[in-house]
Amino acid sequence: MTVTNMRQGACTTCGSQEIYCLERITRQFMVKLGFSQVENITAKVLVCLECGRCEQYLQLTDKQKKKIRNEAPRAEG
């Protein structure tokens, strides 16, 4: 199996399985959606103890996902 992100339990950089979930100090990730609204979104941070690589994942609610789909530009690629 190819590891594509640390949520699979292994580091994508060094292959280590020493992956731990850290608590963000603010526990929030703030983004601007719409004209003047700011949304607080809970975030989860994973860190590899071997190489120090970090990955951050937003814990989006259904309401936040809908708002993003309706108001944010989609990435091209």
Protein backbone atom coordinates (compact mmCIF):
# COMPACT_ATOMS: atom_id res chain seq x y z
CA MET A 1 0.00 0.00 0.00
CA THR A 2 1.28 3.47 -0.88
CA VAL A 3 1.10 5.90 2.02
CA THR A 4 -0.42 9.16 0.81
CA ASN A 5 -0.97 10.88 4.18
CA MET A 6 -0.09 10.41 7.84
CA ARG A 7 -3.70 9.54 8.74
CA GLN A 8 -2.77 6.08 7.41
CA GLY A 9 -0.38 5.67 10.36
CA ALA A 10 2.95 6.14 8.58
CA CYS A 11 5.02 9.17 7.58
CA THR A 12 4.96 10.05 3.89
CA THR A 13 8.52 11.41 4.12
CA CYS A 14 10.50 8.79 6.08
CA GLY A 15 8.07 5.85 6.41
CA SER A 16 8.17 5.82 10.23
CA GLN A 17 5.11 4.63 12.12
CA GLU A 18 5.90 6.95 15.06
CA ILE A 19 2.95 9.22 14.27
CA TYR A 20 1.24 11.15 17.07
CA CYS A 21 -1.69 13.54 17.25
CA LEU A 22 -0.90 16.89 18.86
CA GLU A 23 -3.33 19.34 20.36
CA ARG A 24 -3.24 22.79 18.78
CA ILE A 25 -2.90 25.59 21.30
CA THR A 26 -5.77 27.52 19.75
CA ARG A 27 -7.68 24.35 18.77
CA GLN A 28 -9.02 26.40 15.86
CA PHE A 29 -8.13 27.23 12.28
CA MET A 30 -9.61 30.55 11.18
CA VAL A 31 -10.63 31.20 7.59
CA LYS A 32 -12.58 33.97 5.88
CA LEU A 33 -15.69 32.83 4.03
CA GLY A 34 -18.00 35.24 2.30
CA PHE A 35 -17.77 39.01 2.49
CA SER A 36 -16.92 39.43 6.17
CA GLN A 37 -17.56 36.15 7.98
CA VAL A 38 -14.78 34.37 9.81
CA GLU A 39 -15.23 30.69 10.59
CA ASN A 40 -13.46 28.85 13.38
CA ILE A 41 -12.70 25.31 12.26
CA THR A 42 -11.30 22.68 14.60
CA ALA A 43 -7.98 21.27 13.36
CA LYS A 44 -6.04 18.08 14.09
CA VAL A 45 -2.22 18.02 13.81
CA LEU A 46 -0.25 14.83 13.18
CA VAL A 47 3.53 14.76 13.70
CA CYS A 48 6.21 12.20 12.88
CA LEU A 49 8.71 11.77 15.73
CA GLU A 50 11.44 10.51 13.37
CA CYS A 51 11.68 13.41 10.90
CA GLY A 52 9.37 16.07 12.38
CA ARG A 53 6.98 16.23 9.42
CA CYS A 54 3.59 17.70 10.38
CA GLU A 55 0.23 17.46 8.66
CA GLN A 56 -2.84 19.44 9.64
CA TYR A 57 -6.40 18.32 8.95
CA LEU A 58 -9.52 20.39 9.37
CA GLN A 59 -12.48 18.77 11.12
CA LEU A 60 -15.24 20.24 8.95
CA THR A 61 -18.92 20.10 9.83
CA ASP A 62 -21.49 19.52 7.07
CA LYS A 63 -22.50 23.20 7.38
CA GLN A 64 -18.88 24.34 6.91
CA LYS A 65 -18.40 22.02 3.91
CA LYS A 66 -21.53 23.44 2.25
CA LYS A 67 -20.38 27.01 2.90
CA ILE A 68 -16.95 26.30 1.41
CA ARG A 69 -18.47 24.65 -1.68
CA ASN A 70 -20.75 27.65 -2.21
CA GLU A 71 -18.30 30.48 -1.47
CA ALA A 72 -14.70 29.42 -2.06
CA PRO A 73 -13.08 29.03 -5.48
CA ARG A 74 -12.27 25.44 -6.41
CA ALA A 75 -8.59 24.58 -6.86
CA GLU A 76 -7.50 24.03 -10.43
CA GLY A 77 -5.38 21.06 -11.20
